[in-house]
Amino acid sequence: MSDVIIVGGGASGMLCALLLAEKGNKVTLIEKNEKLGKKLFITGKGRCNLTNLSDAEEHLNALQSNRKFMYSSLYSFTPYDTVDLFNSLGLETKVERGNRVFPVSDHSSDVIKTLENALRRHRAEVLLNTKVSRLLISGHGQEKSGIKGVLLSDGKKLFADKVVVATGGRSYSSTGSTGDGYKFAVSAGMDVTPQSPSLVPLNSTDEDVRKLQGLSLKNVGIKLSSEKKVLYSDFGEMLFTHFGVSGPVILSASAAVKPDFFSKDLTLHIDLKNAIPEDELDKRLIHIFEENRLKEFKNSLASLFPAKLIPVMVSRSGIDPYKKCAEISREERRFFLSLIKDFKIKITGLRGFDEAVITKGGVSVKEIDPGSMESKKVSGLYFIGEVLDIDSFTGGYNLQLAWSTAAAAAAHISSSDRA
């Protein structure tokens, strides 16, 4: 019998196991994959964006759901605590643009090795290639039900006074995130909110998007709007694909999208010259048309746009492509200016879970104590990390949610054991 069983060997599960083992708890960490940290390995494009070194308030502001729920754990285990912990375990870190924290080596495998080595030092038991079928609950359905342990897929029962579910969401199912934790929660009589992909590319049926496939744009401004309400705005890098749009700024924008928005008018607005104010850009257009006054309109735009974008811009402008620049009217120029500052694309949907960085939705936080991550329905049962209905923007924010919820559960379990 263990003191604590942790189901799921991802970011939150490994850290929770380590913090508990450090306090002398007998910990069993169960992972259904052949190795720990499979999803952690691919985060940050294989570099592992550990956290964002900004204060807890900024992390709360970046949350897209249930900010109030995360208040206690984010202030109890902050991004600075995360960096200090990994540094103390021997992992050197660095801070890059946007306060994003990475291992100095730029290898996510070093983050996993750091946690694995620490787990080994503190004698936590790790069971790989082991799948949990269901939770074992005493007094099931009664007012005071409690956790007893877990039943494995091979029929074996493992017993513990505390069980922590750290199974992740449904994103990147190839890494083992197949929604097991939601089934465990439902079996414990808890509510689970609907899930959708988040931090994911966006679909569009716009024909111009197909023409621009493969084109990458840097430092563009974007706004995502639904029925004239702006859901998200930022600037950065984006990419046109065969299905729609992708890139860092698009992934972040997707976090603001809820599934019901697609029954409405969801539009992506792109400012192709975000760094240039409108009046200054107008002067630049006047200069370009004057300098190329004898050239055809379609041949005058090489200094403004990448070659692949020019035919689309000419077509959208409504200006005759063979018209001499000297003949372009003020009204035509002003409309062209508005097109540059607001290039619209109709968004028709999100890409699937297999392309999503995280999952929106999950175990309802109304069922969880925010200070301890313990279930309000079953004593001794805890839920941490992405399995919960919490999600944030890119840039290290989501991994901090994993670390903070793991630390909250570990602290509560250790303190209750001492009591």
Protein backbone atom coordinates (compact mmCIF):
# COMPACT_ATOMS: atom_id res chain seq x y z
CA MET A 1 0.00 0.00 0.00
CA SER A 2 1.24 3.47 -0.88
CA ASP A 3 0.55 6.72 0.95
CA VAL A 4 -0.25 8.37 -2.38
CA ILE A 5 -0.96 7.10 -5.89
CA ILE A 6 -0.54 9.56 -8.75
CA VAL A 7 -2.18 8.67 -12.06
CA GLY A 8 -0.32 10.29 -14.95
CA GLY A 9 3.39 10.93 -15.39
CA GLY A 10 3.26 14.26 -17.17
CA ALA A 11 4.35 17.67 -15.88
CA SER A 12 1.91 17.98 -12.97
CA GLY A 13 2.12 14.31 -12.01
CA MET A 14 5.92 14.21 -11.90
CA LEU A 15 6.21 17.40 -9.87
CA CYS A 16 3.50 16.35 -7.41
CA ALA A 17 5.19 12.96 -6.95
CA LEU A 18 8.55 14.63 -6.34
CA LEU A 19 7.24 17.16 -3.80
CA LEU A 20 5.47 14.37 -1.91
CA ALA A 21 8.46 12.03 -1.99
CA GLU A 22 10.71 14.82 -0.71
CA LYS A 23 8.46 14.97 2.38
CA GLY A 24 8.91 11.26 3.02
CA ASN A 25 5.62 10.05 1.56
CA LYS A 26 5.55 6.61 -0.06
CA VAL A 27 4.56 7.56 -3.60
CA THR A 28 3.54 5.41 -6.57
CA LEU A 29 3.48 7.23 -9.92
CA ILE A 30 1.54 5.37 -12.63
CA GLU A 31 2.11 6.14 -16.31
CA LYS A 32 0.46 4.24 -19.16
CA ASN A 33 3.18 5.18 -21.67
CA GLU A 34 6.61 3.57 -21.91
CA LYS A 35 8.24 6.70 -20.46
CA LEU A 36 7.44 9.76 -18.37
CA GLY A 37 6.82 13.24 -19.74
CA LYS A 38 5.87 12.29 -23.29
CA LYS A 39 3.88 15.47 -23.89
CA LEU A 40 6.38 17.59 -21.97
CA PHE A 41 8.99 16.39 -24.46
CA ILE A 42 7.27 18.19 -27.37
CA THR A 43 6.28 21.42 -25.60
CA GLY A 44 7.84 24.65 -26.77
CA LYS A 45 8.80 22.93 -30.05
CA GLY A 46 10.96 20.52 -28.09
CA ARG A 47 12.59 23.24 -26.00
CA CYS A 48 10.06 23.20 -23.11
CA ASN A 49 8.82 26.65 -22.16
CA LEU A 50 8.87 25.95 -18.40
CA THR A 51 6.99 29.02 -17.24
CA ASN A 52 6.60 32.73 -17.80
CA LEU A 53 8.68 34.78 -15.37
CA SER A 54 6.01 37.38 -14.66
CA ASP A 55 4.08 37.87 -11.47
CA ALA A 56 1.09 35.79 -10.41
CA GLU A 57 -1.29 38.61 -11.34
CA GLU A 58 -0.19 38.49 -14.98
CA HIS A 59 -0.68 34.73 -14.99
CA LEU A 60 -4.19 35.20 -13.64
CA ASN A 61 -4.93 37.77 -16.35
CA ALA A 62 -3.71 35.32 -19.02
CA LEU A 63 -6.18 32.67 -17.86
CA GLN A 64 -9.12 32.11 -20.19
CA SER A 65 -11.31 30.35 -17.64
CA ASN A 66 -11.79 30.20 -13.86
CA ARG A 67 -9.28 32.85 -12.79
CA LYS A 68 -10.67 33.06 -9.28
CA PHE A 69 -10.11 29.32 -8.78
CA MET A 70 -6.37 29.62 -9.54
CA TYR A 71 -5.72 32.61 -7.27
CA SER A 72 -4.61 30.63 -4.21
CA SER A 73 -2.34 28.11 -5.94
CA LEU A 74 -0.66 30.64 -8.26
CA TYR A 75 0.21 32.89 -5.33
CA SER A 76 1.35 29.91 -3.22
CA PHE A 77 3.63 28.47 -5.91
CA THR A 78 4.66 31.26 -8.26
CA PRO A 79 6.66 31.23 -11.52
CA TYR A 80 9.68 32.32 -9.45
CA ASP A 81 9.19 29.26 -7.25
CA THR A 82 9.15 27.11 -10.37
CA VAL A 83 12.48 28.50 -11.60
CA ASP A 84 14.04 28.25 -8.14
CA LEU A 85 12.94 24.64 -7.83
CA PHE A 86 14.37 23.54 -11.16
CA ASN A 87 17.58 25.48 -10.54
CA SER A 88 17.92 23.74 -7.16
CA LEU A 89 17.55 20.38 -8.93
CA GLY A 90 20.48 21.28 -11.18
CA LEU A 91 18.65 22.51 -14.29
CA GLU A 92 20.04 25.78 -15.63
CA THR A 93 17.40 28.09 -17.08
CA LYS A 94 17.30 31.24 -19.19
CA VAL A 95 14.70 33.96 -19.82
CA GLU A 96 13.85 34.94 -23.38
CA ARG A 97 11.56 37.44 -25.10
CA GLY A 98 8.20 37.80 -23.40
CA ASN A 99 9.61 36.49 -20.07
CA ARG A 100 9.49 32.92 -21.37
CA VAL A 101 11.71 30.53 -19.42
CA PHE A 102 13.60 27.67 -21.11
CA PRO A 103 16.36 25.27 -20.08
CA VAL A 104 19.75 26.68 -21.11
CA SER A 105 20.32 23.53 -23.17
CA ASP A 106 17.13 24.16 -25.21
CA HIS A 107 16.27 20.47 -24.71
CA SER A 108 12.98 19.48 -23.10
CA SER A 109 14.53 16.08 -22.41
CA ASP A 110 16.74 17.77 -19.79
CA VAL A 111 13.64 18.94 -17.91
CA ILE A 112 12.28 15.40 -17.87
CA LYS A 113 15.64 13.92 -16.83
CA THR A 114 15.88 16.44 -14.00
CA LEU A 115 12.52 15.35 -12.61
CA GLU A 116 13.22 11.64 -13.21
CA ASN A 117 16.56 11.80 -11.40
CA ALA A 118 15.00 13.62 -8.46
CA LEU A 119 12.19 11.05 -8.27
CA ARG A 120 14.80 8.29 -8.23
CA ARG A 121 16.82 9.98 -5.49
CA HIS A 122 13.75 10.26 -3.30
CA ARG A 123 12.71 6.66 -4.02
CA ALA A 124 9.35 7.32 -5.60
CA GLU A 125 8.01 4.17 -7.27
CA VAL A 126 7.35 4.64 -10.98
CA LEU A 127 5.18 2.16 -12.88
CA LEU A 128 5.46 2.53 -16.67
CA ASN A 129 3.27 0.80 -19.28
CA THR A 130 0.60 0.61 -16.59
CA LYS A 131 -2.99 1.68 -17.20
CA VAL A 132 -5.57 2.55 -14.54
CA SER A 133 -9.05 1.25 -15.38
CA ARG A 134 -11.00 2.89 -12.60
CA LEU A 135 -10.87 4.44 -9.15
CA LEU A 136 -11.67 2.43 -6.02
CA ILE A 137 -14.04 4.46 -3.86
CA SER A 138 -15.52 3.50 -0.49
CA GLY A 139 -19.07 4.59 0.35
CA HIS A 140 -19.60 5.44 -3.31
CA GLY A 141 -22.53 7.81 -3.78
CA GLN A 142 -22.83 8.46 -0.06
CA GLU A 143 -22.31 11.81 1.59
CA LYS A 144 -18.89 10.84 2.94
CA SER A 145 -17.25 8.69 0.28
CA GLY A 146 -13.48 8.29 0.26
CA ILE A 147 -10.76 7.03 -2.05
CA LYS A 148 -9.27 3.57 -1.52
CA GLY A 149 -6.97 3.19 -4.50
CA VAL A 150 -7.10 2.22 -8.16
CA LEU A 151 -7.86 -0.82 -10.30
CA LEU A 152 -5.33 -1.51 -13.05
CA SER A 153 -6.26 -2.81 -16.50
CA ASP A 154 -4.70 -6.18 -15.65
CA GLY A 155 -7.12 -6.56 -12.73
CA LYS A 156 -4.61 -5.75 -10.01
CA LYS A 157 -5.68 -3.41 -7.21
CA LEU A 158 -3.35 -0.80 -5.70
CA PHE A 159 -4.41 0.79 -2.43
CA ALA A 160 -3.70 4.25 -1.03
CA ASP A 161 -5.34 6.83 1.23
CA LYS A 162 -4.77 9.53 -1.38
CA VAL A 163 -5.06 9.40 -5.18
CA VAL A 164 -4.05 12.28 -7.45
CA VAL A 165 -5.41 12.33 -11.01
CA ALA A 166 -2.92 14.04 -13.35
CA THR A 167 -3.94 12.48 -16.67
CA GLY A 168 -3.99 15.65 -18.81
CA GLY A 169 -6.69 16.59 -21.29
CA ARG A 170 -7.40 15.38 -24.83
CA SER A 171 -4.78 17.30 -26.83
CA TYR A 172 -2.03 15.32 -28.61
CA SER A 173 -3.70 11.99 -27.89
CA SER A 174 -0.61 10.21 -29.25
CA THR A 175 1.14 11.23 -26.03
CA GLY A 176 -1.49 9.45 -23.93
CA SER A 177 -3.90 12.34 -23.31
CA THR A 178 -7.09 10.48 -24.14
CA GLY A 179 -9.51 11.90 -21.57
CA ASP A 180 -9.12 9.16 -18.92
CA GLY A 181 -9.30 11.71 -16.10
CA TYR A 182 -12.74 12.87 -17.19
CA LYS A 183 -14.06 9.31 -16.89
CA PHE A 184 -12.54 9.02 -13.41
CA ALA A 185 -14.21 12.29 -12.37
CA VAL A 186 -17.62 11.23 -13.67
CA SER A 187 -17.27 7.87 -11.87
CA ALA A 188 -16.70 9.85 -8.66
CA GLY A 189 -19.96 11.74 -9.20
CA MET A 190 -18.26 14.93 -10.37
CA ASP A 191 -19.21 17.26 -13.21
CA VAL A 192 -17.05 17.65 -16.32
CA THR A 193 -17.47 20.62 -18.65
CA PRO A 194 -17.43 20.14 -22.47
CA GLN A 195 -13.96 20.09 -24.02
CA SER A 196 -12.65 21.77 -27.15
CA PRO A 197 -9.16 22.21 -28.64
CA SER A 198 -7.23 25.33 -27.62
CA LEU A 199 -3.96 26.93 -28.71
CA VAL A 200 -4.69 25.42 -32.10
CA PRO A 201 -4.63 26.58 -35.74
CA LEU A 202 -7.83 28.00 -37.26
CA ASN A 203 -9.78 26.77 -40.29
CA SER A 204 -10.94 29.01 -43.13
CA THR A 205 -12.69 28.28 -46.42
CA ASP A 206 -11.55 31.64 -47.84
CA GLU A 207 -10.18 31.01 -51.35
CA ASP A 208 -7.48 33.66 -50.86
CA VAL A 209 -6.08 31.62 -47.96
CA ARG A 210 -5.42 28.72 -50.36
CA LYS A 211 -3.62 31.09 -52.73
CA LEU A 212 -1.42 32.28 -49.86
CA GLN A 213 -0.57 28.77 -48.59
CA GLY A 214 2.97 28.62 -47.23
CA LEU A 215 3.31 32.40 -46.78
CA SER A 216 4.66 33.46 -43.40
CA LEU A 217 4.12 37.01 -42.15
CA LYS A 218 6.06 38.62 -39.29
CA ASN A 219 5.07 41.49 -37.01
CA VAL A 220 1.50 41.66 -38.26
CA GLY A 221 -1.28 42.87 -36.02
CA ILE A 222 -4.31 40.64 -35.63
CA LYS A 223 -7.77 40.96 -34.14
CA LEU A 224 -10.26 38.14 -33.81
CA SER A 225 -13.84 39.36 -33.66
CA SER A 226 -17.28 37.81 -33.27
CA GLU A 227 -20.28 39.91 -34.25
CA LYS A 228 -18.16 43.10 -34.01
CA LYS A 229 -16.91 42.22 -30.51
CA VAL A 230 -13.11 41.90 -30.33
CA LEU A 231 -12.21 38.60 -28.65
CA TYR A 232 -8.43 38.90 -28.95
CA SER A 233 -5.81 41.27 -30.33
CA ASP A 234 -2.02 41.07 -30.51
CA PHE A 235 0.85 41.17 -32.98
CA GLY A 236 3.39 38.59 -34.04
CA GLU A 237 4.04 35.88 -36.60
CA MET A 238 1.44 33.92 -38.56
CA LEU A 239 1.33 31.42 -41.40
CA PHE A 240 -1.16 30.69 -44.18
CA THR A 241 -1.79 26.96 -44.64
CA HIS A 242 -3.85 24.65 -46.88
CA PHE A 243 -6.62 24.64 -44.25
CA GLY A 244 -6.48 28.17 -42.84
CA VAL A 245 -4.05 30.03 -40.61
CA SER A 246 -1.48 29.05 -37.99
CA GLY A 247 1.58 30.45 -36.23
CA PRO A 248 2.22 31.71 -32.67
CA VAL A 249 -0.16 34.68 -32.69
CA ILE A 250 -2.96 32.55 -34.20
CA LEU A 251 -2.55 29.83 -31.58
CA SER A 252 -2.87 32.42 -28.83
CA ALA A 253 -5.96 33.91 -30.49
CA SER A 254 -7.63 30.49 -30.56
CA ALA A 255 -7.63 30.43 -26.74
CA ALA A 256 -10.31 33.14 -26.82
CA VAL A 257 -12.60 31.07 -29.06
CA LYS A 258 -15.48 29.04 -27.69
CA PRO A 259 -17.19 26.39 -29.83
CA ASP A 260 -20.48 28.31 -30.06
CA PHE A 261 -18.72 31.24 -31.77
CA PHE A 262 -18.79 29.34 -35.08
CA SER A 263 -22.53 29.79 -35.32
CA LYS A 264 -21.74 33.50 -35.40
CA ASP A 265 -19.64 35.78 -37.59
CA LEU A 266 -16.04 34.95 -36.58
CA THR A 267 -13.54 37.09 -38.48
CA LEU A 268 -9.77 37.43 -38.41
CA HIS A 269 -8.57 40.99 -39.10
CA ILE A 270 -4.91 41.30 -40.16
CA ASP A 271 -3.00 44.60 -40.11
CA LEU A 272 -0.35 43.85 -42.72
CA LYS A 273 1.64 46.96 -41.78
CA ASN A 274 1.10 47.00 -38.05
CA ALA A 275 4.19 49.11 -37.31
CA ILE A 276 3.17 51.93 -39.66
CA PRO A 277 0.40 54.37 -38.60
CA GLU A 278 -2.36 54.86 -41.16
CA ASP A 279 -1.49 58.45 -42.13
CA GLU A 280 2.17 57.52 -42.58
CA LEU A 281 1.24 54.51 -44.70
CA ASP A 282 -0.98 56.72 -46.85
CA LYS A 283 1.97 59.03 -47.52
CA ARG A 284 4.02 55.97 -48.45
CA LEU A 285 1.37 54.83 -50.93
CA ILE A 286 1.27 58.30 -52.49
CA HIS A 287 5.07 58.17 -52.87
CA ILE A 288 5.00 54.64 -54.37
CA PHE A 289 2.31 55.55 -56.89
CA GLU A 290 4.11 58.77 -57.82
CA GLU A 291 7.45 56.99 -58.18
CA ASN A 292 5.82 54.31 -60.36
CA ARG A 293 3.35 56.63 -62.10
CA LEU A 294 3.88 55.07 -65.53
CA LYS A 295 3.85 51.48 -64.25
CA GLU A 296 0.79 49.26 -64.08
CA PHE A 297 -0.73 48.99 -60.60
CA LYS A 298 0.03 45.25 -60.32
CA ASN A 299 3.73 45.90 -60.94
CA SER A 300 4.16 48.68 -58.38
CA LEU A 301 3.79 46.79 -55.09
CA ALA A 302 7.02 44.79 -54.76
CA SER A 303 8.34 47.10 -52.01
CA LEU A 304 5.15 46.65 -49.96
CA PHE A 305 4.35 42.94 -50.01
CA PRO A 306 5.84 39.48 -50.56
CA ALA A 307 5.35 38.30 -54.16
CA LYS A 308 2.68 35.72 -53.24
CA LEU A 309 0.54 38.36 -51.54
CA ILE A 310 0.53 40.90 -54.39
CA PRO A 311 -2.05 39.20 -56.72
CA VAL A 312 -4.45 38.74 -53.77
CA MET A 313 -4.11 42.38 -52.71
CA VAL A 314 -4.63 43.58 -56.29
CA SER A 315 -7.72 41.40 -56.66
CA ARG A 316 -9.22 42.53 -53.34
CA SER A 317 -8.56 46.19 -54.13
CA GLY A 318 -10.94 46.24 -57.10
CA ILE A 319 -8.42 48.43 -58.94
CA ASP A 320 -7.75 47.44 -62.55
CA PRO A 321 -4.38 45.64 -62.35
CA TYR A 322 -3.33 47.23 -65.67
CA LYS A 323 -4.21 50.74 -64.59
CA LYS A 324 -1.29 53.18 -64.52
CA CYS A 325 -0.43 54.28 -61.00
CA ALA A 326 -0.80 57.92 -62.04
CA GLU A 327 -4.47 57.22 -62.79
CA ILE A 328 -5.34 55.71 -59.41
CA SER A 329 -7.91 57.93 -57.69
CA ARG A 330 -7.79 59.14 -54.09
CA GLU A 331 -10.82 56.95 -53.29
CA GLU A 332 -9.11 53.87 -54.73
CA ARG A 333 -5.92 54.62 -52.81
CA ARG A 334 -7.83 55.13 -49.54
CA PHE A 335 -9.73 51.86 -50.01
CA PHE A 336 -6.45 50.06 -50.72
CA LEU A 337 -5.02 51.58 -47.54
CA SER A 338 -7.97 50.26 -45.52
CA LEU A 339 -7.42 46.82 -47.04
CA ILE A 340 -3.79 46.79 -45.95
CA LYS A 341 -4.71 47.78 -42.39
CA ASP A 342 -7.67 45.38 -42.21
CA PHE A 343 -7.22 42.24 -44.31
CA LYS A 344 -10.26 40.13 -43.37
CA ILE A 345 -10.52 36.34 -43.31
CA LYS A 346 -13.64 34.39 -42.37
CA ILE A 347 -12.83 31.76 -39.72
CA THR A 348 -14.94 28.60 -39.87
CA GLY A 349 -13.58 26.39 -37.11
CA LEU A 350 -10.79 25.11 -34.91
CA ARG A 351 -8.38 22.35 -35.89
CA GLY A 352 -8.69 19.10 -33.94
CA PHE A 353 -7.31 17.90 -30.62
CA ASP A 354 -4.34 16.23 -32.34
CA GLU A 355 -3.06 19.69 -33.32
CA ALA A 356 -4.04 21.46 -30.10
CA VAL A 357 -1.44 22.39 -27.49
CA ILE A 358 -4.00 22.18 -24.68
CA THR A 359 -7.63 21.35 -23.92
CA LYS A 360 -10.29 23.91 -23.01
CA GLY A 361 -12.82 22.50 -20.52
CA GLY A 362 -12.47 19.54 -18.17
CA VAL A 363 -13.20 18.63 -14.56
CA SER A 364 -15.43 21.39 -13.18
CA VAL A 365 -13.57 23.53 -10.66
CA LYS A 366 -16.86 23.87 -8.74
CA GLU A 367 -16.15 20.29 -7.65
CA ILE A 368 -12.59 21.06 -6.46
CA ASP A 369 -11.25 22.88 -3.40
CA PRO A 370 -9.04 25.67 -4.86
CA GLY A 371 -6.54 25.61 -2.00
CA SER A 372 -5.86 21.88 -2.07
CA MET A 373 -7.13 20.51 -5.43
CA GLU A 374 -9.11 17.92 -3.47
CA SER A 375 -12.49 16.72 -4.72
CA LYS A 376 -15.47 18.02 -2.78
CA LYS A 377 -17.28 14.73 -3.52
CA VAL A 378 -14.65 12.13 -2.58
CA SER A 379 -12.18 12.71 0.24
CA GLY A 380 -8.56 11.91 -0.58
CA LEU A 381 -9.12 12.31 -4.34
CA TYR A 382 -7.26 15.15 -6.09
CA PHE A 383 -7.21 16.53 -9.63
CA ILE A 384 -4.29 18.60 -10.99
CA GLY A 385 -3.03 20.04 -14.27
CA GLU A 386 -4.74 20.06 -17.64
CA VAL A 387 -7.48 17.63 -16.60
CA LEU A 388 -9.07 20.61 -14.81
CA ASP A 389 -11.23 23.22 -16.54
CA ILE A 390 -8.42 25.80 -16.67
CA ASP A 391 -6.55 27.08 -19.73
CA SER A 392 -4.34 30.01 -20.64
CA PHE A 393 -2.37 31.63 -23.46
CA THR A 394 0.93 30.38 -24.90
CA GLY A 395 4.20 31.56 -23.41
CA GLY A 396 4.71 29.26 -20.41
CA TYR A 397 1.41 30.07 -18.71
CA ASN A 398 -0.16 26.63 -19.06
CA LEU A 399 2.81 24.74 -17.65
CA GLN A 400 2.73 27.06 -14.64
CA LEU A 401 -0.87 25.96 -14.07
CA ALA A 402 0.43 22.38 -13.96
CA TRP A 403 3.23 23.22 -11.50
CA SER A 404 1.03 25.36 -9.22
CA THR A 405 -1.85 22.88 -8.98
CA ALA A 406 0.63 20.04 -8.37
CA ALA A 407 2.30 21.99 -5.57
CA ALA A 408 -1.08 22.80 -3.98
CA ALA A 409 -2.10 19.14 -3.88
CA ALA A 410 1.30 18.02 -2.59
CA ALA A 411 1.30 20.64 0.17
CA HIS A 412 -2.20 19.70 1.33
CA ILE A 413 -1.50 15.97 1.32
CA SER A 414 1.75 16.41 3.25
CA SER A 415 0.17 18.71 5.82
CA SER A 416 -2.84 16.42 6.32
CA ASP A 417 -0.53 13.44 6.75
CA ARG A 418 1.39 15.26 9.48
CA ALA A 419 -1.90 16.22 11.14
